[in-house]
């Protein structure tokens, strides 16, 4: 008997193209998997609510039809329901950046992803939890699946989301990065990893990565693994703008950790202390709140379905 399956669709993903093309995707899903329940997100972060309610209603498998931000929301919802042992999560690559599926070695095309999900191979992977402050300074908590960062990345994500992604994720994120560099001003932060200070000063970017990629193919944390029980922390200090632009190709290549001043660490808990509102955050490509913040790993939190046979 097939597991009870819910598909959570973000119609706004890929600049609205998911809304236009999902009927065909749904037909292929039903052919491969059998009966489905379909829910469409209506507001930002609505996928978290839909996943939480679906898990509590007895859904055994949730498929994400959207991008990395939608995937992060679904993980947060199932974690909030405290039912991660009962629910498998699968990803249909319908977003712009596809950093999550790229990092996990999953199918990058929808038809192949459906076949892999139908095969039913699973894998346990870690998730992350983020404690942060919203725009009004209220403490909040959520979860993430791929990466959570502070610094220029929050501004970049806002700019990417405000522009068309018709030319693809890599171009959209590259243009967003260049536009945000023109406006961004580094701000000081104190970073404490597993109880020890690792950095204090101006930063352009600091990460807590579960996977290696962000920004549509930037290899930000090249050594990151989804199943090692650790977050990869990368710190890019307050370089000048010309120097940052010149080193941007190294971020795509994953060689930026060789640049003097760029720091790399691994740990289980990262605390970012900063003046309220001075350091903006993003998780999995979506801007979200400000520091002070605390990032922590949740080992083996997610049962991933749709794994390639070579990764099983």
C-alpha atoms as a PDB file:
ATOM      1  CA  UNK A   1       0.000   0.000   0.000  1.00  0.00           C
ATOM      2  CA  UNK A   2       1.342   3.405  -1.000  1.00  0.00           C
ATOM      3  CA  UNK A   3       2.090   5.856   1.802  1.00  0.00           C
ATOM      4  CA  UNK A   4      -0.384   8.669   2.254  1.00  0.00           C
ATOM      5  CA  UNK A   5       1.213  11.479   0.271  1.00  0.00           C
ATOM      6  CA  UNK A   6       0.774  15.249   0.446  1.00  0.00           C
ATOM      7  CA  UNK A   7       2.253  17.531  -2.213  1.00  0.00           C
ATOM      8  CA  UNK A   8       2.826  21.120  -1.089  1.00  0.00           C
ATOM      9  CA  UNK A   9       3.016  23.425  -4.103  1.00  0.00           C
ATOM     10  CA  UNK A  10       4.471  26.914  -4.070  1.00  0.00           C
ATOM     11  CA  UNK A  11       2.887  28.509  -7.162  1.00  0.00           C
ATOM     12  CA  UNK A  12       5.223  31.512  -6.934  1.00  0.00           C
ATOM     13  CA  UNK A  13       8.403  29.458  -7.347  1.00  0.00           C
ATOM     14  CA  UNK A  14      10.459  30.022 -10.508  1.00  0.00           C
ATOM     15  CA  UNK A  15       8.821  33.434 -10.979  1.00  0.00           C
ATOM     16  CA  UNK A  16       5.374  31.840 -11.135  1.00  0.00           C
ATOM     17  CA  UNK A  17       6.188  29.152 -13.685  1.00  0.00           C
ATOM     18  CA  UNK A  18       5.347  26.396 -11.185  1.00  0.00           C
ATOM     19  CA  UNK A  19       1.748  27.625 -11.154  1.00  0.00           C
ATOM     20  CA  UNK A  20       1.573  27.337 -14.956  1.00  0.00           C
ATOM     21  CA  UNK A  21       3.196  23.927 -15.282  1.00  0.00           C
ATOM     22  CA  UNK A  22       2.095  21.982 -12.215  1.00  0.00           C
ATOM     23  CA  UNK A  23      -0.944  20.326 -13.831  1.00  0.00           C
ATOM     24  CA  UNK A  24       1.391  18.288 -16.028  1.00  0.00           C
ATOM     25  CA  UNK A  25       3.642  17.509 -13.070  1.00  0.00           C
ATOM     26  CA  UNK A  26       0.644  16.379 -11.020  1.00  0.00           C
ATOM     27  CA  UNK A  27      -0.446  13.970 -13.744  1.00  0.00           C
ATOM     28  CA  UNK A  28       3.009  12.371 -13.835  1.00  0.00           C
ATOM     29  CA  UNK A  29       3.072  12.168 -10.035  1.00  0.00           C
ATOM     30  CA  UNK A  30      -0.288  10.381  -9.911  1.00  0.00           C
ATOM     31  CA  UNK A  31       0.841   7.926 -12.585  1.00  0.00           C
ATOM     32  CA  UNK A  32       3.972   7.084 -10.604  1.00  0.00           C
ATOM     33  CA  UNK A  33       2.746   7.309  -6.991  1.00  0.00           C
ATOM     34  CA  UNK A  34      -1.011   6.808  -7.003  1.00  0.00           C
ATOM     35  CA  UNK A  35      -3.434   8.898  -4.918  1.00  0.00           C
ATOM     36  CA  UNK A  36      -2.209  12.307  -3.771  1.00  0.00           C
ATOM     37  CA  UNK A  37      -3.372  15.206  -1.651  1.00  0.00           C
ATOM     38  CA  UNK A  38      -2.449  18.625  -3.043  1.00  0.00           C
ATOM     39  CA  UNK A  39      -2.133  21.852  -1.064  1.00  0.00           C
ATOM     40  CA  UNK A  40      -1.070  25.209  -2.532  1.00  0.00           C
ATOM     41  CA  UNK A  41       0.707  27.848  -0.498  1.00  0.00           C
ATOM     42  CA  UNK A  42      -1.096  31.190  -0.358  1.00  0.00           C
ATOM     43  CA  UNK A  43       1.290  33.393   1.613  1.00  0.00           C
ATOM     44  CA  UNK A  44       5.018  33.461   2.407  1.00  0.00           C
ATOM     45  CA  UNK A  45       6.014  30.613   4.785  1.00  0.00           C
ATOM     46  CA  UNK A  46       2.559  29.038   4.386  1.00  0.00           C
ATOM     47  CA  UNK A  47       4.278  25.730   3.582  1.00  0.00           C
ATOM     48  CA  UNK A  48       5.346  25.470   7.224  1.00  0.00           C
ATOM     49  CA  UNK A  49       1.711  25.538   8.357  1.00  0.00           C
ATOM     50  CA  UNK A  50       0.588  23.083   5.663  1.00  0.00           C
ATOM     51  CA  UNK A  51       3.369  20.625   6.534  1.00  0.00           C
ATOM     52  CA  UNK A  52       2.673  20.863  10.267  1.00  0.00           C
ATOM     53  CA  UNK A  53      -1.054  20.288   9.781  1.00  0.00           C
ATOM     54  CA  UNK A  54      -0.474  17.494   7.266  1.00  0.00           C
ATOM     55  CA  UNK A  55       1.916  15.646   9.567  1.00  0.00           C
ATOM     56  CA  UNK A  56      -0.524  15.908  12.462  1.00  0.00           C
ATOM     57  CA  UNK A  57      -3.306  14.613  10.205  1.00  0.00           C
ATOM     58  CA  UNK A  58      -1.377  11.412   9.493  1.00  0.00           C
ATOM     59  CA  UNK A  59       0.383  12.131   6.194  1.00  0.00           C
ATOM     60  CA  UNK A  60       3.321   9.740   5.774  1.00  0.00           C
ATOM     61  CA  UNK A  61       5.118  11.411   2.868  1.00  0.00           C
ATOM     62  CA  UNK A  62       5.350  15.110   1.960  1.00  0.00           C
ATOM     63  CA  UNK A  63       6.667  16.206  -1.421  1.00  0.00           C
ATOM     64  CA  UNK A  64       7.884  19.772  -1.915  1.00  0.00           C
ATOM     65  CA  UNK A  65       6.950  21.325  -5.273  1.00  0.00           C
ATOM     66  CA  UNK A  66       8.950  24.519  -5.053  1.00  0.00           C
ATOM     67  CA  UNK A  67      12.352  25.871  -4.210  1.00  0.00           C
ATOM     68  CA  UNK A  68      14.782  25.669  -1.320  1.00  0.00           C
ATOM     69  CA  UNK A  69      12.788  28.161   0.748  1.00  0.00           C
ATOM     70  CA  UNK A  70       9.653  26.020   0.446  1.00  0.00           C
ATOM     71  CA  UNK A  71      11.662  22.924   1.365  1.00  0.00           C
ATOM     72  CA  UNK A  72      12.972  24.693   4.450  1.00  0.00           C
ATOM     73  CA  UNK A  73       9.439  25.669   5.475  1.00  0.00           C
ATOM     74  CA  UNK A  74       8.216  22.083   5.090  1.00  0.00           C
ATOM     75  CA  UNK A  75      11.043  20.766   7.260  1.00  0.00           C
ATOM     76  CA  UNK A  76      10.251  23.439   9.852  1.00  0.00           C
ATOM     77  CA  UNK A  77       6.593  22.427   9.849  1.00  0.00           C
ATOM     78  CA  UNK A  78       7.218  18.723  10.332  1.00  0.00           C
ATOM     79  CA  UNK A  79       9.787  19.441  13.042  1.00  0.00           C
ATOM     80  CA  UNK A  80       7.282  21.701  14.790  1.00  0.00           C
ATOM     81  CA  UNK A  81       4.794  18.833  14.733  1.00  0.00           C
ATOM     82  CA  UNK A  82       7.479  16.609  16.339  1.00  0.00           C
ATOM     83  CA  UNK A  83       6.737  13.885  13.785  1.00  0.00           C
ATOM     84  CA  UNK A  84       9.978  13.625  11.813  1.00  0.00           C
ATOM     85  CA  UNK A  85      10.176   9.887  12.534  1.00  0.00           C
ATOM     86  CA  UNK A  86       6.752   9.420  10.949  1.00  0.00           C
ATOM     87  CA  UNK A  87       7.078  11.495   7.762  1.00  0.00           C
ATOM     88  CA  UNK A  88       9.336  11.142   4.732  1.00  0.00           C
ATOM     89  CA  UNK A  89      10.146  14.311   2.771  1.00  0.00           C
ATOM     90  CA  UNK A  90      10.912  14.446  -0.948  1.00  0.00           C
ATOM     91  CA  UNK A  91      11.933  17.334  -3.189  1.00  0.00           C
ATOM     92  CA  UNK A  92      10.701  18.105  -6.689  1.00  0.00           C
ATOM     93  CA  UNK A  93      13.250  20.479  -8.291  1.00  0.00           C
ATOM     94  CA  UNK A  94      10.920  23.338  -9.186  1.00  0.00           C
ATOM     95  CA  UNK A  95      12.801  26.240  -7.617  1.00  0.00           C
ATOM     96  CA  UNK A  96      15.243  28.768  -8.995  1.00  0.00           C
ATOM     97  CA  UNK A  97      18.536  27.982  -7.280  1.00  0.00           C
ATOM     98  CA  UNK A  98      18.248  24.205  -6.729  1.00  0.00           C
ATOM     99  CA  UNK A  99      21.097  24.349  -4.225  1.00  0.00           C
ATOM    100  CA  UNK A 100      19.481  21.785  -1.941  1.00  0.00           C
ATOM    101  CA  UNK A 101      19.004  19.055  -4.552  1.00  0.00           C
ATOM    102  CA  UNK A 102      22.416  19.875  -6.033  1.00  0.00           C
ATOM    103  CA  UNK A 103      24.106  19.459  -2.668  1.00  0.00           C
ATOM    104  CA  UNK A 104      22.237  16.255  -1.865  1.00  0.00           C
ATOM    105  CA  UNK A 105      23.034  14.710  -5.251  1.00  0.00           C
ATOM    106  CA  UNK A 106      19.334  14.372  -6.082  1.00  0.00           C
ATOM    107  CA  UNK A 107      17.738  14.606  -9.509  1.00  0.00           C
ATOM    108  CA  UNK A 108      17.837  18.084 -11.027  1.00  0.00           C
ATOM    109  CA  UNK A 109      14.921  17.371 -13.403  1.00  0.00           C
ATOM    110  CA  UNK A 110      11.330  16.686 -12.354  1.00  0.00           C
ATOM    111  CA  UNK A 111      10.695  13.434 -14.237  1.00  0.00           C
ATOM    112  CA  UNK A 112      13.850  11.844 -12.850  1.00  0.00           C
ATOM    113  CA  UNK A 113      12.988  13.046  -9.343  1.00  0.00           C
ATOM    114  CA  UNK A 114       9.533  11.442  -9.581  1.00  0.00           C
ATOM    115  CA  UNK A 115      11.098   8.111 -10.592  1.00  0.00           C
ATOM    116  CA  UNK A 116      13.517   8.257  -7.665  1.00  0.00           C
ATOM    117  CA  UNK A 117      10.742   9.090  -5.205  1.00  0.00           C
ATOM    118  CA  UNK A 118       8.656   6.196  -6.558  1.00  0.00           C
ATOM    119  CA  UNK A 119      11.627   3.869  -5.966  1.00  0.00           C
ATOM    120  CA  UNK A 120      11.361   4.748  -2.268  1.00  0.00           C
ATOM    121  CA  UNK A 121      15.038   4.858  -1.304  1.00  0.00           C
ATOM    122  CA  UNK A 122      15.608   6.903   1.863  1.00  0.00           C
ATOM    123  CA  UNK A 123      18.424   8.550   3.777  1.00  0.00           C
ATOM    124  CA  UNK A 124      18.674  10.285   7.151  1.00  0.00           C
ATOM    125  CA  UNK A 125      20.030  13.841   7.009  1.00  0.00           C
ATOM    126  CA  UNK A 126      20.535  16.644   9.494  1.00  0.00           C
ATOM    127  CA  UNK A 127      18.551  19.865   9.775  1.00  0.00           C
ATOM    128  CA  UNK A 128      19.290  23.160  11.454  1.00  0.00           C
ATOM    129  CA  UNK A 129      17.411  25.269  13.977  1.00  0.00           C
ATOM    130  CA  UNK A 130      17.595  29.052  14.068  1.00  0.00           C
ATOM    131  CA  UNK A 131      16.696  31.313  16.978  1.00  0.00           C
ATOM    132  CA  UNK A 132      16.482  34.916  15.775  1.00  0.00           C
ATOM    133  CA  UNK A 133      14.599  38.220  16.088  1.00  0.00           C
ATOM    134  CA  UNK A 134      11.939  39.548  13.728  1.00  0.00           C
ATOM    135  CA  UNK A 135      11.775  43.133  12.419  1.00  0.00           C
ATOM    136  CA  UNK A 136      10.119  44.268  15.648  1.00  0.00           C
ATOM    137  CA  UNK A 137      12.726  42.604  17.861  1.00  0.00           C
ATOM    138  CA  UNK A 138      10.514  39.698  18.946  1.00  0.00           C
ATOM    139  CA  UNK A 139      12.386  36.404  19.548  1.00  0.00           C
ATOM    140  CA  UNK A 140      11.426  33.672  17.038  1.00  0.00           C
ATOM    141  CA  UNK A 141      12.490  30.118  16.235  1.00  0.00           C
ATOM    142  CA  UNK A 142      12.374  28.163  12.985  1.00  0.00           C
ATOM    143  CA  UNK A 143      14.265  25.377  11.212  1.00  0.00           C
ATOM    144  CA  UNK A 144      16.229  25.126   7.983  1.00  0.00           C
ATOM    145  CA  UNK A 145      17.518  22.385   5.749  1.00  0.00           C
ATOM    146  CA  UNK A 146      20.440  23.706   3.669  1.00  0.00           C
ATOM    147  CA  UNK A 147      21.923  26.964   4.967  1.00  0.00           C
ATOM    148  CA  UNK A 148      21.341  29.960   7.203  1.00  0.00           C
ATOM    149  CA  UNK A 149      23.492  33.056   6.853  1.00  0.00           C
ATOM    150  CA  UNK A 150      23.911  36.651   7.940  1.00  0.00           C
ATOM    151  CA  UNK A 151      25.367  39.690   6.219  1.00  0.00           C
ATOM    152  CA  UNK A 152      25.111  40.562   2.552  1.00  0.00           C
ATOM    153  CA  UNK A 153      23.164  37.385   1.763  1.00  0.00           C
ATOM    154  CA  UNK A 154      19.944  38.712   3.318  1.00  0.00           C
ATOM    155  CA  UNK A 155      20.049  41.812   1.109  1.00  0.00           C
ATOM    156  CA  UNK A 156      20.962  39.704  -1.929  1.00  0.00           C
ATOM    157  CA  UNK A 157      17.967  37.413  -1.423  1.00  0.00           C
ATOM    158  CA  UNK A 158      15.622  40.366  -1.158  1.00  0.00           C
ATOM    159  CA  UNK A 159      16.971  41.769  -4.422  1.00  0.00           C
ATOM    160  CA  UNK A 160      16.740  38.400  -6.184  1.00  0.00           C
ATOM    161  CA  UNK A 161      13.132  37.986  -5.069  1.00  0.00           C
ATOM    162  CA  UNK A 162      12.270  41.452  -6.378  1.00  0.00           C
ATOM    163  CA  UNK A 163      13.517  40.715  -9.891  1.00  0.00           C
ATOM    164  CA  UNK A 164      12.633  38.307 -12.681  1.00  0.00           C
ATOM    165  CA  UNK A 165      14.336  34.910 -12.695  1.00  0.00           C
ATOM    166  CA  UNK A 166      13.558  34.197 -16.343  1.00  0.00           C
ATOM    167  CA  UNK A 167      17.264  33.932 -17.180  1.00  0.00           C
ATOM    168  CA  UNK A 168      17.789  31.253 -14.536  1.00  0.00           C
ATOM    169  CA  UNK A 169      18.926  31.036 -10.961  1.00  0.00           C
ATOM    170  CA  UNK A 170      22.653  31.541 -11.474  1.00  0.00           C
ATOM    171  CA  UNK A 171      22.204  34.787 -13.407  1.00  0.00           C
ATOM    172  CA  UNK A 172      19.541  36.022 -10.965  1.00  0.00           C
ATOM    173  CA  UNK A 173      21.734  35.414  -7.914  1.00  0.00           C
ATOM    174  CA  UNK A 174      24.844  36.816  -9.579  1.00  0.00           C
ATOM    175  CA  UNK A 175      23.024  40.024 -10.520  1.00  0.00           C
ATOM    176  CA  UNK A 176      21.487  40.205  -7.053  1.00  0.00           C
ATOM    177  CA  UNK A 177      24.921  39.818  -5.472  1.00  0.00           C
ATOM    178  CA  UNK A 178      26.425  42.593  -7.583  1.00  0.00           C
ATOM    179  CA  UNK A 179      23.502  44.922  -6.862  1.00  0.00           C
ATOM    180  CA  UNK A 180      23.660  44.233  -3.135  1.00  0.00           C
ATOM    181  CA  UNK A 181      27.422  44.846  -3.080  1.00  0.00           C
ATOM    182  CA  UNK A 182      26.735  48.397  -4.230  1.00  0.00           C
ATOM    183  CA  UNK A 183      24.471  49.024  -1.236  1.00  0.00           C
ATOM    184  CA  UNK A 184      25.819  46.807   1.517  1.00  0.00           C
ATOM    185  CA  UNK A 185      27.747  48.181   4.487  1.00  0.00           C
ATOM    186  CA  UNK A 186      29.585  45.617   6.664  1.00  0.00           C
ATOM    187  CA  UNK A 187      28.647  45.667  10.345  1.00  0.00           C
ATOM    188  CA  UNK A 188      30.413  44.208  13.393  1.00  0.00           C
ATOM    189  CA  UNK A 189      29.431  40.871  14.878  1.00  0.00           C
ATOM    190  CA  UNK A 190      30.810  38.512  17.496  1.00  0.00           C
ATOM    191  CA  UNK A 191      30.706  34.851  16.501  1.00  0.00           C
ATOM    192  CA  UNK A 192      30.896  32.126  19.152  1.00  0.00           C
ATOM    193  CA  UNK A 193      31.130  28.494  18.039  1.00  0.00           C
ATOM    194  CA  UNK A 194      30.493  25.759  20.618  1.00  0.00           C
ATOM    195  CA  UNK A 195      31.249  28.204  23.401  1.00  0.00           C
ATOM    196  CA  UNK A 196      34.479  29.696  21.974  1.00  0.00           C
ATOM    197  CA  UNK A 197      34.799  33.033  20.195  1.00  0.00           C
ATOM    198  CA  UNK A 198      36.015  32.497  16.639  1.00  0.00           C
ATOM    199  CA  UNK A 199      35.643  36.024  15.233  1.00  0.00           C
ATOM    200  CA  UNK A 200      34.812  39.570  16.213  1.00  0.00           C
ATOM    201  CA  UNK A 201      34.635  42.445  13.732  1.00  0.00           C
ATOM    202  CA  UNK A 202      32.977  43.540  10.506  1.00  0.00           C
ATOM    203  CA  UNK A 203      31.685  40.772   8.258  1.00  0.00           C
ATOM    204  CA  UNK A 204      30.368  40.617   4.735  1.00  0.00           C
ATOM    205  CA  UNK A 205      29.058  37.083   5.238  1.00  0.00           C
ATOM    206  CA  UNK A 206      28.880  34.428   7.945  1.00  0.00           C
ATOM    207  CA  UNK A 207      27.246  31.065   7.345  1.00  0.00           C
ATOM    208  CA  UNK A 208      25.883  28.061   9.189  1.00  0.00           C
ATOM    209  CA  UNK A 209      25.738  25.503   6.377  1.00  0.00           C
ATOM    210  CA  UNK A 210      24.284  22.016   6.375  1.00  0.00           C
ATOM    211  CA  UNK A 211      25.012  21.597   2.657  1.00  0.00           C
ATOM    212  CA  UNK A 212      27.797  22.873   0.377  1.00  0.00           C
ATOM    213  CA  UNK A 213      25.897  25.178  -2.010  1.00  0.00           C
ATOM    214  CA  UNK A 214      23.936  28.392  -1.800  1.00  0.00           C
ATOM    215  CA  UNK A 215      23.180  31.311  -4.149  1.00  0.00           C
ATOM    216  CA  UNK A 216      22.391  29.025  -7.126  1.00  0.00           C
ATOM    217  CA  UNK A 217      25.636  27.135  -7.342  1.00  0.00           C
ATOM    218  CA  UNK A 218      28.054  29.059  -5.125  1.00  0.00           C
ATOM    219  CA  UNK A 219      30.142  26.411  -3.355  1.00  0.00           C
ATOM    220  CA  UNK A 220      30.111  28.334  -0.092  1.00  0.00           C
ATOM    221  CA  UNK A 221      30.930  25.448   2.271  1.00  0.00           C
ATOM    222  CA  UNK A 222      32.725  22.898   0.086  1.00  0.00           C
ATOM    223  CA  UNK A 223      33.326  20.409   2.909  1.00  0.00           C
ATOM    224  CA  UNK A 224      29.755  20.466   4.270  1.00  0.00           C
ATOM    225  CA  UNK A 225      27.876  17.177   4.558  1.00  0.00           C
ATOM    226  CA  UNK A 226      24.205  16.729   5.291  1.00  0.00           C
ATOM    227  CA  UNK A 227      24.765  13.749   7.598  1.00  0.00           C
ATOM    228  CA  UNK A 228      27.831  14.565   9.718  1.00  0.00           C
ATOM    229  CA  UNK A 229      26.046  16.184  12.685  1.00  0.00           C
ATOM    230  CA  UNK A 230      27.900  19.468  12.121  1.00  0.00           C
ATOM    231  CA  UNK A 231      27.342  22.940  10.679  1.00  0.00           C
ATOM    232  CA  UNK A 232      30.020  24.417   8.424  1.00  0.00           C
ATOM    233  CA  UNK A 233      30.762  28.006   9.411  1.00  0.00           C
ATOM    234  CA  UNK A 234      32.381  30.294   6.837  1.00  0.00           C
ATOM    235  CA  UNK A 235      33.315  33.882   7.720  1.00  0.00           C
ATOM    236  CA  UNK A 236      34.138  36.476   5.058  1.00  0.00           C
ATOM    237  CA  UNK A 237      35.409  39.631   6.782  1.00  0.00           C
ATOM    238  CA  UNK A 238      34.763  43.220   5.763  1.00  0.00           C
ATOM    239  CA  UNK A 239      36.798  43.362   2.559  1.00  0.00           C
ATOM    240  CA  UNK A 240      36.523  46.386   0.291  1.00  0.00           C
ATOM    241  CA  UNK A 241      33.995  46.223  -2.552  1.00  0.00           C
ATOM    242  CA  UNK A 242      36.550  45.997  -5.348  1.00  0.00           C
ATOM    243  CA  UNK A 243      38.288  43.120  -3.588  1.00  0.00           C
ATOM    244  CA  UNK A 244      34.971  41.339  -3.031  1.00  0.00           C
ATOM    245  CA  UNK A 245      34.017  41.590  -6.696  1.00  0.00           C
ATOM    246  CA  UNK A 246      37.429  40.286  -7.745  1.00  0.00           C
ATOM    247  CA  UNK A 247      37.087  37.281  -5.426  1.00  0.00           C
ATOM    248  CA  UNK A 248      33.470  36.420  -6.341  1.00  0.00           C
ATOM    249  CA  UNK A 249      34.497  33.716  -8.874  1.00  0.00           C
ATOM    250  CA  UNK A 250      36.328  31.925  -6.061  1.00  0.00           C
ATOM    251  CA  UNK A 251      33.037  31.590  -4.179  1.00  0.00           C
ATOM    252  CA  UNK A 252      31.539  29.693  -7.127  1.00  0.00           C
ATOM    253  CA  UNK A 253      34.631  27.522  -7.409  1.00  0.00           C
ATOM    254  CA  UNK A 254      34.791  26.817  -3.673  1.00  0.00           C
ATOM    255  CA  UNK A 255      38.362  28.103  -3.358  1.00  0.00           C
ATOM    256  CA  UNK A 256      37.539  31.197  -1.272  1.00  0.00           C
ATOM    257  CA  UNK A 257      38.717  29.463   1.908  1.00  0.00           C
ATOM    258  CA  UNK A 258      42.268  29.810   0.532  1.00  0.00           C
ATOM    259  CA  UNK A 259      41.957  33.624   0.565  1.00  0.00           C
ATOM    260  CA  UNK A 260      43.816  35.195   3.527  1.00  0.00           C
ATOM    261  CA  UNK A 261      41.296  36.424   6.078  1.00  0.00           C
ATOM    262  CA  UNK A 262      38.482  34.048   5.081  1.00  0.00           C
ATOM    263  CA  UNK A 263      37.812  31.586   7.897  1.00  0.00           C
ATOM    264  CA  UNK A 264      36.262  28.121   7.968  1.00  0.00           C
ATOM    265  CA  UNK A 265      35.097  26.072  10.965  1.00  0.00           C
ATOM    266  CA  UNK A 266      32.799  23.190  11.884  1.00  0.00           C
ATOM    267  CA  UNK A 267      30.657  22.935  14.997  1.00  0.00           C
ATOM    268  CA  UNK A 268      27.266  22.214  16.485  1.00  0.00           C
ATOM    269  CA  UNK A 269      26.130  25.638  17.694  1.00  0.00           C
ATOM    270  CA  UNK A 270      26.938  29.115  16.389  1.00  0.00           C
ATOM    271  CA  UNK A 271      25.926  32.253  18.275  1.00  0.00           C
ATOM    272  CA  UNK A 272      25.967  35.603  16.446  1.00  0.00           C
ATOM    273  CA  UNK A 273      25.928  38.624  18.733  1.00  0.00           C
ATOM    274  CA  UNK A 274      25.274  41.947  16.993  1.00  0.00           C
ATOM    275  CA  UNK A 275      23.460  45.222  17.547  1.00  0.00           C
ATOM    276  CA  UNK A 276      19.723  44.688  16.971  1.00  0.00           C
ATOM    277  CA  UNK A 277      18.844  45.190  13.309  1.00  0.00           C
ATOM    278  CA  UNK A 278      22.459  45.531  12.149  1.00  0.00           C
ATOM    279  CA  UNK A 279      22.870  42.016  10.725  1.00  0.00           C
ATOM    280  CA  UNK A 280      20.094  40.611   8.529  1.00  0.00           C
ATOM    281  CA  UNK A 281      19.561  36.878   8.106  1.00  0.00           C
ATOM    282  CA  UNK A 282      18.417  34.550   5.362  1.00  0.00           C
ATOM    283  CA  UNK A 283      17.591  30.845   5.378  1.00  0.00           C
ATOM    284  CA  UNK A 284      17.593  28.755   2.237  1.00  0.00           C
ATOM    285  CA  UNK A 285      17.319  31.743  -0.063  1.00  0.00           C
ATOM    286  CA  UNK A 286      14.635  33.645   1.840  1.00  0.00           C
ATOM    287  CA  UNK A 287      15.315  36.788   3.943  1.00  0.00           C
ATOM    288  CA  UNK A 288      14.287  36.299   7.561  1.00  0.00           C
ATOM    289  CA  UNK A 289      14.812  38.576  10.548  1.00  0.00           C
ATOM    290  CA  UNK A 290      17.981  39.785  12.249  1.00  0.00           C
ATOM    291  CA  UNK A 291      20.680  38.923  14.753  1.00  0.00           C
ATOM    292  CA  UNK A 292      21.281  38.388  17.626  1.00  0.00           C
ATOM    293  CA  UNK A 293      20.819  34.773  16.540  1.00  0.00           C
ATOM    294  CA  UNK A 294      21.718  31.225  17.428  1.00  0.00           C
ATOM    295  CA  UNK A 295      22.149  28.409  14.881  1.00  0.00           C
ATOM    296  CA  UNK A 296      22.237  24.753  15.913  1.00  0.00           C
ATOM    297  CA  UNK A 297      22.345  21.409  14.152  1.00  0.00           C
ATOM    298  CA  UNK A 298      19.646  18.742  14.635  1.00  0.00           C
ATOM    299  CA  UNK A 299      21.306  15.425  13.736  1.00  0.00           C
ATOM    300  CA  UNK A 300      19.382  12.884  11.614  1.00  0.00           C
ATOM    301  CA  UNK A 301      16.246  15.010  11.776  1.00  0.00           C
ATOM    302  CA  UNK A 302      14.917  14.351   8.261  1.00  0.00           C
ATOM    303  CA  UNK A 303      14.018  11.131   6.468  1.00  0.00           C
ATOM    304  CA  UNK A 304      14.719  12.034   2.853  1.00  0.00           C
ATOM    305  CA  UNK A 305      12.973  10.032   0.116  1.00  0.00           C
ATOM    306  CA  UNK A 306      14.051  10.046  -3.527  1.00  0.00           C
ATOM    307  CA  UNK A 307      17.706   9.222  -2.971  1.00  0.00           C
ATOM    308  CA  UNK A 308      19.790   8.005  -5.885  1.00  0.00           C
ATOM    309  CA  UNK A 309      20.725   4.339  -5.738  1.00  0.00           C
ATOM    310  CA  UNK A 310      24.429   5.201  -5.465  1.00  0.00           C
ATOM    311  CA  UNK A 311      23.677   7.359  -2.368  1.00  0.00           C
ATOM    312  CA  UNK A 312      21.558   4.809  -0.530  1.00  0.00           C
END
